Amino acid sequence: MIVKCRSGASGVLSRSGVGVFLRKVENYAHAIALHFMYYNFGRIHKTLRVTPAMEAGVSGRVWSLEEIAALVRDPVARKRGPYKNREAD
């Protein structure tokens, strides 16, 4: 597994960016996974001149954003719980 190790390099974990995903921790985890996927498979790094995945021999090409987005599963609708009855004011 290739992991981004530089702290503070992209600002993904900045306080302003975290608030959007904190309503559901699962959504935040998915956003981080997509970021790592793009960082390792879709972005050519200046010092390596290839992606980290290509340098490690995991992939032989640069992935496009469309290909990365196509890996995301379609959401499955779940049955909602019962609504609470509101008292009339």
N, C-alpha and C. Protein backbone atom coordinates (compact mmCIF):
# COMPACT_ATOMS: atom_id res chain seq x y z
N MET A 1 0.84 -1.17 0.00
CA MET A 1 0.00 0.00 0.00
C MET A 1 0.88 1.23 0.00
N ILE A 2 0.56 2.18 -0.86
CA ILE A 2 1.30 3.42 -0.95
C ILE A 2 0.56 4.47 -0.13
N VAL A 3 1.27 5.13 0.77
CA VAL A 3 0.63 6.09 1.66
C VAL A 3 1.35 7.42 1.55
N LYS A 4 0.58 8.49 1.53
CA LYS A 4 1.15 9.82 1.51
C LYS A 4 1.68 10.14 2.90
N CYS A 5 2.94 10.48 3.03
CA CYS A 5 3.54 10.64 4.35
C CYS A 5 3.89 12.08 4.69
N ARG A 6 3.85 12.99 3.75
CA ARG A 6 4.22 14.37 4.04
C ARG A 6 3.09 15.05 4.80
N SER A 7 3.40 15.67 5.91
CA SER A 7 2.37 16.34 6.70
C SER A 7 2.16 17.75 6.19
N GLY A 8 0.90 18.13 6.05
CA GLY A 8 0.56 19.49 5.65
C GLY A 8 0.81 19.83 4.19
N ALA A 9 1.07 18.85 3.35
CA ALA A 9 1.42 19.14 1.97
C ALA A 9 0.23 19.57 1.13
N SER A 10 -0.94 19.01 1.37
CA SER A 10 -2.05 19.32 0.49
C SER A 10 -3.19 20.06 1.18
N GLY A 11 -3.24 20.09 2.47
CA GLY A 11 -4.31 20.76 3.17
C GLY A 11 -5.61 19.97 3.22
N VAL A 12 -5.58 18.71 2.87
CA VAL A 12 -6.79 17.89 2.86
C VAL A 12 -7.38 17.78 4.26
N LEU A 13 -6.53 17.72 5.26
CA LEU A 13 -7.00 17.56 6.62
C LEU A 13 -7.12 18.90 7.35
N SER A 14 -7.17 19.99 6.59
CA SER A 14 -7.32 21.30 7.23
C SER A 14 -8.69 21.42 7.87
N ARG A 15 -8.81 22.29 8.83
CA ARG A 15 -10.05 22.43 9.59
C ARG A 15 -11.22 22.83 8.70
N SER A 16 -10.99 23.68 7.71
CA SER A 16 -12.09 24.13 6.84
C SER A 16 -12.59 23.00 5.95
N GLY A 17 -11.73 22.08 5.55
CA GLY A 17 -12.15 20.99 4.69
C GLY A 17 -12.81 19.84 5.41
N VAL A 18 -12.54 19.70 6.69
CA VAL A 18 -13.06 18.57 7.45
C VAL A 18 -14.55 18.72 7.73
N GLY A 19 -15.02 19.92 7.98
CA GLY A 19 -16.40 20.16 8.37
C GLY A 19 -17.43 19.65 7.37
N VAL A 20 -17.08 19.63 6.11
CA VAL A 20 -18.01 19.19 5.08
C VAL A 20 -18.34 17.71 5.24
N PHE A 21 -17.40 16.90 5.66
CA PHE A 21 -17.57 15.46 5.69
C PHE A 21 -17.87 14.91 7.08
N LEU A 22 -17.82 15.73 8.12
CA LEU A 22 -17.96 15.20 9.47
C LEU A 22 -19.36 14.75 9.81
N ARG A 23 -20.34 15.08 9.01
CA ARG A 23 -21.69 14.63 9.32
C ARG A 23 -21.77 13.11 9.29
N LYS A 24 -21.04 12.52 8.39
CA LYS A 24 -20.94 11.06 8.36
C LYS A 24 -19.47 10.71 8.21
N VAL A 25 -18.95 10.00 9.17
CA VAL A 25 -17.54 9.62 9.14
C VAL A 25 -17.25 8.76 7.93
N GLU A 26 -18.22 7.98 7.52
CA GLU A 26 -18.06 7.11 6.35
C GLU A 26 -17.79 7.94 5.09
N ASN A 27 -18.49 9.06 4.93
CA ASN A 27 -18.26 9.94 3.78
C ASN A 27 -16.86 10.53 3.82
N TYR A 28 -16.40 10.91 5.00
CA TYR A 28 -15.06 11.47 5.15
C TYR A 28 -14.01 10.42 4.77
N ALA A 29 -14.21 9.20 5.21
CA ALA A 29 -13.27 8.12 4.87
C ALA A 29 -13.23 7.88 3.37
N HIS A 30 -14.37 7.95 2.71
CA HIS A 30 -14.41 7.78 1.26
C HIS A 30 -13.70 8.92 0.55
N ALA A 31 -13.87 10.13 1.03
CA ALA A 31 -13.19 11.28 0.43
C ALA A 31 -11.67 11.16 0.55
N ILE A 32 -11.20 10.72 1.70
CA ILE A 32 -9.76 10.52 1.90
C ILE A 32 -9.25 9.41 0.99
N ALA A 33 -10.02 8.34 0.84
CA ALA A 33 -9.61 7.24 -0.04
C ALA A 33 -9.50 7.70 -1.49
N LEU A 34 -10.46 8.52 -1.94
CA LEU A 34 -10.38 9.05 -3.31
C LEU A 34 -9.17 9.96 -3.48
N HIS A 35 -8.88 10.75 -2.46
CA HIS A 35 -7.70 11.63 -2.53
C HIS A 35 -6.42 10.81 -2.66
N PHE A 36 -6.27 9.76 -1.82
CA PHE A 36 -5.08 8.93 -1.90
C PHE A 36 -4.98 8.20 -3.24
N MET A 37 -6.12 7.78 -3.76
CA MET A 37 -6.13 7.10 -5.06
C MET A 37 -5.61 8.04 -6.15
N TYR A 38 -6.10 9.28 -6.15
CA TYR A 38 -5.63 10.24 -7.15
C TYR A 38 -4.16 10.58 -6.92
N TYR A 39 -3.77 10.78 -5.67
CA TYR A 39 -2.40 11.16 -5.35
C TYR A 39 -1.42 10.09 -5.83
N ASN A 40 -1.77 8.82 -5.65
CA ASN A 40 -0.85 7.74 -5.97
C ASN A 40 -0.96 7.21 -7.39
N PHE A 41 -2.13 7.33 -8.01
CA PHE A 41 -2.32 6.74 -9.34
C PHE A 41 -2.56 7.77 -10.45
N GLY A 42 -3.01 8.97 -10.11
CA GLY A 42 -3.40 9.92 -11.15
C GLY A 42 -2.54 11.16 -11.28
N ARG A 43 -1.63 11.39 -10.35
CA ARG A 43 -0.86 12.63 -10.35
C ARG A 43 0.61 12.31 -10.58
N ILE A 44 1.19 12.93 -11.60
CA ILE A 44 2.61 12.76 -11.87
C ILE A 44 3.38 13.70 -10.95
N HIS A 45 4.32 13.16 -10.20
CA HIS A 45 5.10 13.94 -9.25
C HIS A 45 6.36 14.48 -9.92
N LYS A 46 6.71 15.69 -9.59
CA LYS A 46 7.84 16.35 -10.24
C LYS A 46 9.15 15.62 -10.00
N THR A 47 9.39 15.20 -8.77
CA THR A 47 10.67 14.56 -8.47
C THR A 47 10.78 13.16 -9.07
N LEU A 48 9.66 12.43 -9.11
CA LEU A 48 9.68 11.07 -9.66
C LEU A 48 9.52 11.06 -11.17
N ARG A 49 8.81 12.05 -11.69
CA ARG A 49 8.43 12.16 -13.11
C ARG A 49 7.47 11.05 -13.55
N VAL A 50 6.94 10.33 -12.58
CA VAL A 50 5.88 9.34 -12.78
C VAL A 50 5.01 9.37 -11.53
N THR A 51 3.95 8.59 -11.53
CA THR A 51 3.13 8.49 -10.32
C THR A 51 3.82 7.56 -9.32
N PRO A 52 3.53 7.69 -8.01
CA PRO A 52 4.12 6.76 -7.04
C PRO A 52 3.76 5.30 -7.33
N ALA A 53 2.57 5.05 -7.86
CA ALA A 53 2.18 3.68 -8.17
C ALA A 53 3.02 3.12 -9.32
N MET A 54 3.33 3.95 -10.30
CA MET A 54 4.18 3.49 -11.41
C MET A 54 5.61 3.24 -10.92
N GLU A 55 6.08 4.10 -10.04
CA GLU A 55 7.43 3.93 -9.49
C GLU A 55 7.53 2.64 -8.68
N ALA A 56 6.47 2.28 -7.97
CA ALA A 56 6.47 1.06 -7.17
C ALA A 56 6.17 -0.19 -8.01
N GLY A 57 5.79 0.00 -9.26
CA GLY A 57 5.50 -1.13 -10.12
C GLY A 57 4.09 -1.69 -9.96
N VAL A 58 3.21 -0.93 -9.29
CA VAL A 58 1.83 -1.37 -9.08
C VAL A 58 0.98 -1.11 -10.31
N SER A 59 1.26 -0.02 -11.01
CA SER A 59 0.50 0.36 -12.20
C SER A 59 1.46 0.74 -13.31
N GLY A 60 1.03 0.54 -14.53
CA GLY A 60 1.90 0.88 -15.65
C GLY A 60 1.46 2.12 -16.40
N ARG A 61 0.47 2.85 -15.87
CA ARG A 61 -0.05 4.02 -16.58
C ARG A 61 -0.59 5.04 -15.58
N VAL A 62 -0.84 6.24 -16.06
CA VAL A 62 -1.46 7.29 -15.25
C VAL A 62 -2.97 7.17 -15.40
N TRP A 63 -3.67 7.11 -14.28
CA TRP A 63 -5.13 6.97 -14.29
C TRP A 63 -5.78 8.34 -14.44
N SER A 64 -6.86 8.42 -15.20
CA SER A 64 -7.61 9.66 -15.33
C SER A 64 -8.62 9.76 -14.19
N LEU A 65 -9.14 10.95 -13.97
CA LEU A 65 -10.16 11.14 -12.93
C LEU A 65 -11.42 10.34 -13.24
N GLU A 66 -11.74 10.21 -14.51
CA GLU A 66 -12.92 9.43 -14.91
C GLU A 66 -12.76 7.96 -14.52
N GLU A 67 -11.56 7.43 -14.70
CA GLU A 67 -11.31 6.03 -14.35
C GLU A 67 -11.38 5.82 -12.83
N ILE A 68 -10.86 6.78 -12.08
CA ILE A 68 -10.90 6.68 -10.62
C ILE A 68 -12.34 6.79 -10.13
N ALA A 69 -13.11 7.72 -10.71
CA ALA A 69 -14.51 7.90 -10.31
C ALA A 69 -15.35 6.68 -10.67
N ALA A 70 -14.98 5.98 -11.74
CA ALA A 70 -15.74 4.80 -12.16
C ALA A 70 -15.58 3.65 -11.15
N LEU A 71 -14.55 3.70 -10.30
CA LEU A 71 -14.35 2.65 -9.30
C LEU A 71 -15.32 2.77 -8.13
N VAL A 72 -15.91 3.96 -7.96
CA VAL A 72 -16.82 4.19 -6.85
C VAL A 72 -18.12 3.45 -7.12
N ARG A 73 -18.57 2.70 -6.13
CA ARG A 73 -19.82 1.95 -6.28
C ARG A 73 -21.01 2.90 -6.26
N ASP A 74 -22.07 2.50 -6.94
CA ASP A 74 -23.31 3.27 -6.87
C ASP A 74 -23.89 3.14 -5.48
N PRO A 75 -24.42 4.23 -4.94
CA PRO A 75 -24.98 4.13 -3.59
C PRO A 75 -26.21 3.23 -3.54
N VAL A 76 -26.35 2.52 -2.46
CA VAL A 76 -27.49 1.63 -2.26
C VAL A 76 -28.47 2.34 -1.33
N ALA A 77 -29.71 2.45 -1.79
CA ALA A 77 -30.73 3.10 -0.96
C ALA A 77 -31.06 2.21 0.23
N ARG A 78 -31.08 2.81 1.39
CA ARG A 78 -31.41 2.07 2.60
C ARG A 78 -32.78 2.50 3.09
N LYS A 79 -33.45 1.59 3.76
CA LYS A 79 -34.76 1.90 4.30
C LYS A 79 -34.59 2.86 5.48
N ARG A 80 -35.36 3.93 5.46
CA ARG A 80 -35.27 4.92 6.53
C ARG A 80 -36.07 4.46 7.74
N GLY A 81 -35.67 4.94 8.87
CA GLY A 81 -36.37 4.62 10.11
C GLY A 81 -37.67 5.39 10.21
N PRO A 82 -38.44 5.08 11.21
CA PRO A 82 -39.73 5.78 11.38
C PRO A 82 -39.51 7.24 11.75
N TYR A 83 -40.42 8.08 11.29
CA TYR A 83 -40.37 9.49 11.64
C TYR A 83 -41.01 9.69 13.00
N LYS A 84 -40.51 10.67 13.71
CA LYS A 84 -41.14 11.02 14.99
C LYS A 84 -42.32 11.93 14.74
N ASN A 85 -43.40 11.68 15.43
CA ASN A 85 -44.57 12.55 15.32
C ASN A 85 -44.30 13.86 16.02
N ARG A 86 -44.58 14.96 15.33
CA ARG A 86 -44.42 16.27 15.94
C ARG A 86 -45.75 16.74 16.49
N GLU A 87 -45.66 17.34 17.63
CA GLU A 87 -46.89 17.88 18.22
C GLU A 87 -47.19 19.23 17.58
N ALA A 88 -48.45 19.48 17.33
CA ALA A 88 -48.86 20.75 16.74
C ALA A 88 -48.71 21.85 17.78
N ASP A 89 -48.19 23.00 17.33
CA ASP A 89 -48.02 24.13 18.26
C ASP A 89 -49.31 24.87 18.48
